[in-house]
Each structure stands twice: as C-alpha cells, then as structure tokens.
Amino acid sequence: MPQLQTLKFEALIEAPVPLVYTAMIDPADYREWTRVFAEGSYYEGSWQQGERIRFLATPGDGMLSEIAENRPNEFISIRHLGMINNGVEDTTSDAVKAWAPAYENYRFVAVPQGTRVEVELQMTADWVDMMQKTWPQALLTLKTLCEARAKR
C-alpha cells in the first residue's frame, strides 16, 4: 500500500480573511485560481460540512470528495474519497483504496498584513512533483486576485 506524503504550502495575502476565504470557494474565483492544476477546473456540490463535492475538469474527470469540516474564515478540510473518470465515480477500485481517504486542509490566519493561507495535503508519491510545481502558482493567482479586490 503506497504511503501518503504530506505537502505544505502557504501564502501571505494582503487582504482580509473573509475576502480570501470567499475567493477560495467562490465558483468563478475557484475556476481562476485552480486553472494551473487543470484548465477548466470547477466544482459541483457544496462546501457545507458533511456534503459531497466533485472537483472536476473537462471532460468530467476529477475527484469525489466530502467536506470533512468547514469553519468559515478559519478552516476547511476536504476528505478525498475517490476518482471520477469520464463522469463515473470510483471509490472501490484497488487504485483508489491505495490512497483514500486523503485530506486537503486550508487554514486562514489573520496577520497584520492580511491573511496567511496555509495549505496541507496528502498524496501518493506520483503526484508530489506536480503539486510542488502547481500549488505555489495557484496560491500566487489567488493572492493576485484577492489583493486586486482588496485595493478597490
């Protein structure tokens, strides 16, 4: 069974916590800051605790997840449960059972300059290089988006 690795990323965003939290999960903003992971990224479902959510990219491939915890403006924990291939959910294959569940957590910390976003995610080794390249870019996009909005 593959061992899950934990990666951590953070960004200092010169914008208030509520603005950053909202931008992270707003459907249009989500499409913008997650584009680096997969062009056309979007989600279906709810960010409410206990609800299922599907993280997708065209043509309908992605992750089936559940919001394990959501404390607005503070903390979000996503429990990844399986994969979606061509619109079909898979939570029972050996490939999925090798890593599921895996968690992706976001903390929003108020600091004098604005918000420190802390990201912690679990994954198998085959995804580590890609995530180490893309997460800093995604957070930079989120930072740019939020700081432009905060200056209005």
C-alpha atoms as a PDB file:
ATOM      1  CA  MET A   1       0.000   0.000   0.000  1.00  0.00           C
ATOM      2  CA  PRO A   2       1.505   3.358  -1.010  1.00  0.00           C
ATOM      3  CA  GLN A   3       2.430   5.715   1.762  1.00  0.00           C
ATOM      4  CA  LEU A   4       0.745   9.106   1.683  1.00  0.00           C
ATOM      5  CA  GLN A   5       3.056  12.086   1.773  1.00  0.00           C
ATOM      6  CA  THR A   6       2.055  15.416   3.279  1.00  0.00           C
ATOM      7  CA  LEU A   7       2.915  18.625   1.457  1.00  0.00           C
ATOM      8  CA  LYS A   8       2.584  22.102   2.944  1.00  0.00           C
ATOM      9  CA  PHE A   9       2.323  25.455   1.209  1.00  0.00           C
ATOM     10  CA  GLU A  10       1.498  28.932   2.392  1.00  0.00           C
ATOM     11  CA  ALA A  11       0.934  32.404   1.028  1.00  0.00           C
ATOM     12  CA  LEU A  12       0.720  35.828   2.622  1.00  0.00           C
ATOM     13  CA  ILE A  13      -2.145  37.723   1.027  1.00  0.00           C
ATOM     14  CA  GLU A  14      -2.637  41.426   1.694  1.00  0.00           C
ATOM     15  CA  ALA A  15      -6.409  41.155   2.024  1.00  0.00           C
ATOM     16  CA  PRO A  16      -8.758  40.445   4.938  1.00  0.00           C
ATOM     17  CA  VAL A  17      -9.545  36.829   5.855  1.00  0.00           C
ATOM     18  CA  PRO A  18     -13.239  36.942   4.787  1.00  0.00           C
ATOM     19  CA  LEU A  19     -12.267  38.145   1.312  1.00  0.00           C
ATOM     20  CA  VAL A  20      -9.640  35.384   0.904  1.00  0.00           C
ATOM     21  CA  TYR A  21     -11.913  32.651   2.274  1.00  0.00           C
ATOM     22  CA  THR A  22     -14.741  33.700  -0.051  1.00  0.00           C
ATOM     23  CA  ALA A  23     -12.462  33.932  -3.102  1.00  0.00           C
ATOM     24  CA  MET A  24     -11.083  30.464  -2.458  1.00  0.00           C
ATOM     25  CA  ILE A  25     -14.506  28.797  -2.681  1.00  0.00           C
ATOM     26  CA  ASP A  26     -16.488  31.151  -4.947  1.00  0.00           C
ATOM     27  CA  PRO A  27     -17.295  29.207  -8.162  1.00  0.00           C
ATOM     28  CA  ALA A  28     -15.870  31.824 -10.577  1.00  0.00           C
ATOM     29  CA  ASP A  29     -12.793  32.565  -8.461  1.00  0.00           C
ATOM     30  CA  TYR A  30     -12.199  28.836  -7.930  1.00  0.00           C
ATOM     31  CA  ARG A  31     -12.041  28.360 -11.715  1.00  0.00           C
ATOM     32  CA  GLU A  32      -9.443  31.127 -11.879  1.00  0.00           C
ATOM     33  CA  TRP A  33      -7.028  30.104  -9.132  1.00  0.00           C
ATOM     34  CA  THR A  34      -7.229  26.349  -9.849  1.00  0.00           C
ATOM     35  CA  ARG A  35      -6.653  26.698 -13.600  1.00  0.00           C
ATOM     36  CA  VAL A  36      -2.978  25.780 -13.112  1.00  0.00           C
ATOM     37  CA  PHE A  37      -3.953  22.277 -11.935  1.00  0.00           C
ATOM     38  CA  ALA A  38      -6.174  21.601 -14.934  1.00  0.00           C
ATOM     39  CA  GLU A  39      -7.596  24.001 -17.493  1.00  0.00           C
ATOM     40  CA  GLY A  40     -11.339  24.263 -16.981  1.00  0.00           C
ATOM     41  CA  SER A  41     -11.289  23.241 -13.296  1.00  0.00           C
ATOM     42  CA  TYR A  42     -14.585  23.642 -11.475  1.00  0.00           C
ATOM     43  CA  TYR A  43     -16.622  22.013  -8.749  1.00  0.00           C
ATOM     44  CA  GLU A  44     -20.138  20.676  -8.310  1.00  0.00           C
ATOM     45  CA  GLY A  45     -21.681  20.462  -4.878  1.00  0.00           C
ATOM     46  CA  SER A  46     -21.485  22.293  -1.590  1.00  0.00           C
ATOM     47  CA  TRP A  47     -18.742  23.483   0.736  1.00  0.00           C
ATOM     48  CA  GLN A  48     -21.019  22.754   3.723  1.00  0.00           C
ATOM     49  CA  GLN A  49     -19.610  20.358   6.310  1.00  0.00           C
ATOM     50  CA  GLY A  50     -20.691  16.769   5.621  1.00  0.00           C
ATOM     51  CA  GLU A  51     -21.654  17.451   1.996  1.00  0.00           C
ATOM     52  CA  ARG A  52     -20.250  15.718  -1.080  1.00  0.00           C
ATOM     53  CA  ILE A  53     -18.369  17.799  -3.618  1.00  0.00           C
ATOM     54  CA  ARG A  54     -16.969  16.863  -7.013  1.00  0.00           C
ATOM     55  CA  PHE A  55     -13.774  18.602  -8.162  1.00  0.00           C
ATOM     56  CA  LEU A  56     -13.733  18.359 -11.949  1.00  0.00           C
ATOM     57  CA  ALA A  57     -12.023  19.397 -15.130  1.00  0.00           C
ATOM     58  CA  THR A  58     -13.341  18.943 -18.635  1.00  0.00           C
ATOM     59  CA  PRO A  59     -14.284  16.269 -19.813  1.00  0.00           C
ATOM     60  CA  GLY A  60     -15.666  15.317 -16.378  1.00  0.00           C
ATOM     61  CA  ASP A  61     -12.590  13.756 -14.768  1.00  0.00           C
ATOM     62  CA  GLY A  62     -11.618  14.610 -11.208  1.00  0.00           C
ATOM     63  CA  MET A  63     -12.033  13.794  -7.545  1.00  0.00           C
ATOM     64  CA  LEU A  64     -15.023  12.758  -5.461  1.00  0.00           C
ATOM     65  CA  SER A  65     -14.737  14.337  -2.046  1.00  0.00           C
ATOM     66  CA  GLU A  66     -16.582  15.339   1.099  1.00  0.00           C
ATOM     67  CA  ILE A  67     -16.244  18.448   3.214  1.00  0.00           C
ATOM     68  CA  ALA A  68     -14.987  16.977   6.485  1.00  0.00           C
ATOM     69  CA  GLU A  69     -15.018  20.351   8.235  1.00  0.00           C
ATOM     70  CA  ASN A  70     -15.764  23.951   7.333  1.00  0.00           C
ATOM     71  CA  ARG A  71     -15.359  26.726   9.875  1.00  0.00           C
ATOM     72  CA  PRO A  72     -15.935  29.864   7.764  1.00  0.00           C
ATOM     73  CA  ASN A  73     -12.976  32.269   7.622  1.00  0.00           C
ATOM     74  CA  GLU A  74     -10.904  29.797   9.664  1.00  0.00           C
ATOM     75  CA  PHE A  75     -10.506  26.243   8.371  1.00  0.00           C
ATOM     76  CA  ILE A  76     -11.656  23.895   5.591  1.00  0.00           C
ATOM     77  CA  SER A  77     -10.884  20.174   5.497  1.00  0.00           C
ATOM     78  CA  ILE A  78     -11.629  18.171   2.359  1.00  0.00           C
ATOM     79  CA  ARG A  79     -11.723  14.373   2.558  1.00  0.00           C
ATOM     80  CA  HIS A  80     -10.944  12.932  -0.887  1.00  0.00           C
ATOM     81  CA  LEU A  81     -12.859   9.673  -1.331  1.00  0.00           C
ATOM     82  CA  GLY A  82     -12.281   8.621  -4.912  1.00  0.00           C
ATOM     83  CA  MET A  83     -11.742   9.451  -8.550  1.00  0.00           C
ATOM     84  CA  ILE A  84     -14.122  10.417 -11.325  1.00  0.00           C
ATOM     85  CA  ASN A  85     -13.286   9.191 -14.819  1.00  0.00           C
ATOM     86  CA  ASN A  86     -15.497  10.224 -17.738  1.00  0.00           C
ATOM     87  CA  GLY A  87     -18.175  11.158 -15.213  1.00  0.00           C
ATOM     88  CA  VAL A  88     -18.095   7.760 -13.440  1.00  0.00           C
ATOM     89  CA  GLU A  89     -17.313   7.751  -9.692  1.00  0.00           C
ATOM     90  CA  ASP A  90     -14.797   5.192  -8.413  1.00  0.00           C
ATOM     91  CA  THR A  91     -14.456   4.671  -4.663  1.00  0.00           C
ATOM     92  CA  THR A  92     -13.835   0.916  -4.658  1.00  0.00           C
ATOM     93  CA  SER A  93     -11.013   0.084  -7.093  1.00  0.00           C
ATOM     94  CA  ASP A  94      -7.658  -1.063  -5.727  1.00  0.00           C
ATOM     95  CA  ALA A  95      -6.070   2.078  -7.171  1.00  0.00           C
ATOM     96  CA  VAL A  96      -8.383   4.286  -5.089  1.00  0.00           C
ATOM     97  CA  LYS A  97      -8.263   2.097  -1.980  1.00  0.00           C
ATOM     98  CA  ALA A  98      -4.472   2.504  -2.049  1.00  0.00           C
ATOM     99  CA  TRP A  99      -4.782   6.173  -1.015  1.00  0.00           C
ATOM    100  CA  ALA A 100      -8.343   7.035   0.020  1.00  0.00           C
ATOM    101  CA  PRO A 101      -9.193   8.808   2.105  1.00  0.00           C
ATOM    102  CA  ALA A 102      -6.671  11.605   1.691  1.00  0.00           C
ATOM    103  CA  TYR A 103      -7.096  15.058   3.205  1.00  0.00           C
ATOM    104  CA  GLU A 104      -6.587  18.578   1.898  1.00  0.00           C
ATOM    105  CA  ASN A 105      -6.754  21.283   4.565  1.00  0.00           C
ATOM    106  CA  TYR A 106      -6.832  25.072   4.381  1.00  0.00           C
ATOM    107  CA  ARG A 107      -6.221  27.428   7.292  1.00  0.00           C
ATOM    108  CA  PHE A 108      -6.927  31.156   7.098  1.00  0.00           C
ATOM    109  CA  VAL A 109      -4.867  33.032   9.688  1.00  0.00           C
ATOM    110  CA  ALA A 110      -5.311  36.760  10.295  1.00  0.00           C
ATOM    111  CA  VAL A 111      -1.940  38.523  10.401  1.00  0.00           C
ATOM    112  CA  PRO A 112      -1.094  42.249  10.469  1.00  0.00           C
ATOM    113  CA  GLN A 113      -0.517  42.258   6.681  1.00  0.00           C
ATOM    114  CA  GLY A 114      -3.828  40.492   5.928  1.00  0.00           C
ATOM    115  CA  THR A 115      -4.201  36.705   5.671  1.00  0.00           C
ATOM    116  CA  ARG A 116      -1.790  33.814   5.796  1.00  0.00           C
ATOM    117  CA  VAL A 117      -3.259  30.870   3.874  1.00  0.00           C
ATOM    118  CA  GLU A 118      -1.799  27.534   4.958  1.00  0.00           C
ATOM    119  CA  VAL A 119      -2.410  24.504   2.754  1.00  0.00           C
ATOM    120  CA  GLU A 120      -1.665  20.934   3.805  1.00  0.00           C
ATOM    121  CA  LEU A 121      -2.443  17.995   1.543  1.00  0.00           C
ATOM    122  CA  GLN A 122      -1.864  14.253   1.465  1.00  0.00           C
ATOM    123  CA  MET A 123      -0.992  12.372  -1.718  1.00  0.00           C
ATOM    124  CA  THR A 124       0.901   9.454  -3.157  1.00  0.00           C
ATOM    125  CA  ALA A 125       4.468   9.980  -4.349  1.00  0.00           C
ATOM    126  CA  ASP A 126       3.500  10.054  -8.032  1.00  0.00           C
ATOM    127  CA  TRP A 127       1.693  13.405  -7.529  1.00  0.00           C
ATOM    128  CA  VAL A 128       4.311  15.175  -5.373  1.00  0.00           C
ATOM    129  CA  ASP A 129       6.386  16.770  -8.177  1.00  0.00           C
ATOM    130  CA  MET A 130       3.328  18.104  -9.967  1.00  0.00           C
ATOM    131  CA  MET A 131       1.858  19.554  -6.775  1.00  0.00           C
ATOM    132  CA  GLN A 132       5.148  21.163  -5.747  1.00  0.00           C
ATOM    133  CA  LYS A 133       5.154  22.994  -9.082  1.00  0.00           C
ATOM    134  CA  THR A 134       1.498  23.943  -9.282  1.00  0.00           C
ATOM    135  CA  TRP A 135       0.470  24.867  -5.737  1.00  0.00           C
ATOM    136  CA  PRO A 136       2.781  27.906  -5.493  1.00  0.00           C
ATOM    137  CA  GLN A 137       1.387  29.112  -8.837  1.00  0.00           C
ATOM    138  CA  ALA A 138      -2.209  28.553  -7.695  1.00  0.00           C
ATOM    139  CA  LEU A 139      -1.599  30.485  -4.466  1.00  0.00           C
ATOM    140  CA  LEU A 140       0.041  33.324  -6.404  1.00  0.00           C
ATOM    141  CA  THR A 141      -3.069  33.550  -8.603  1.00  0.00           C
ATOM    142  CA  LEU A 142      -5.295  33.583  -5.505  1.00  0.00           C
ATOM    143  CA  LYS A 143      -3.061  36.270  -3.942  1.00  0.00           C
ATOM    144  CA  THR A 144      -3.210  38.448  -7.073  1.00  0.00           C
ATOM    145  CA  LEU A 145      -6.991  38.061  -7.310  1.00  0.00           C
ATOM    146  CA  CYS A 146      -7.591  38.915  -3.624  1.00  0.00           C
ATOM    147  CA  GLU A 147      -5.132  41.794  -3.411  1.00  0.00           C
ATOM    148  CA  ALA A 148      -6.605  43.463  -6.511  1.00  0.00           C
ATOM    149  CA  ARG A 149     -10.061  43.162  -4.967  1.00  0.00           C
ATOM    150  CA  ALA A 150      -8.885  44.452  -1.558  1.00  0.00           C
ATOM    151  CA  LYS A 151      -7.499  47.634  -3.182  1.00  0.00           C
ATOM    152  CA  ARG A 152     -10.854  48.586  -4.707  1.00  0.00           C
END
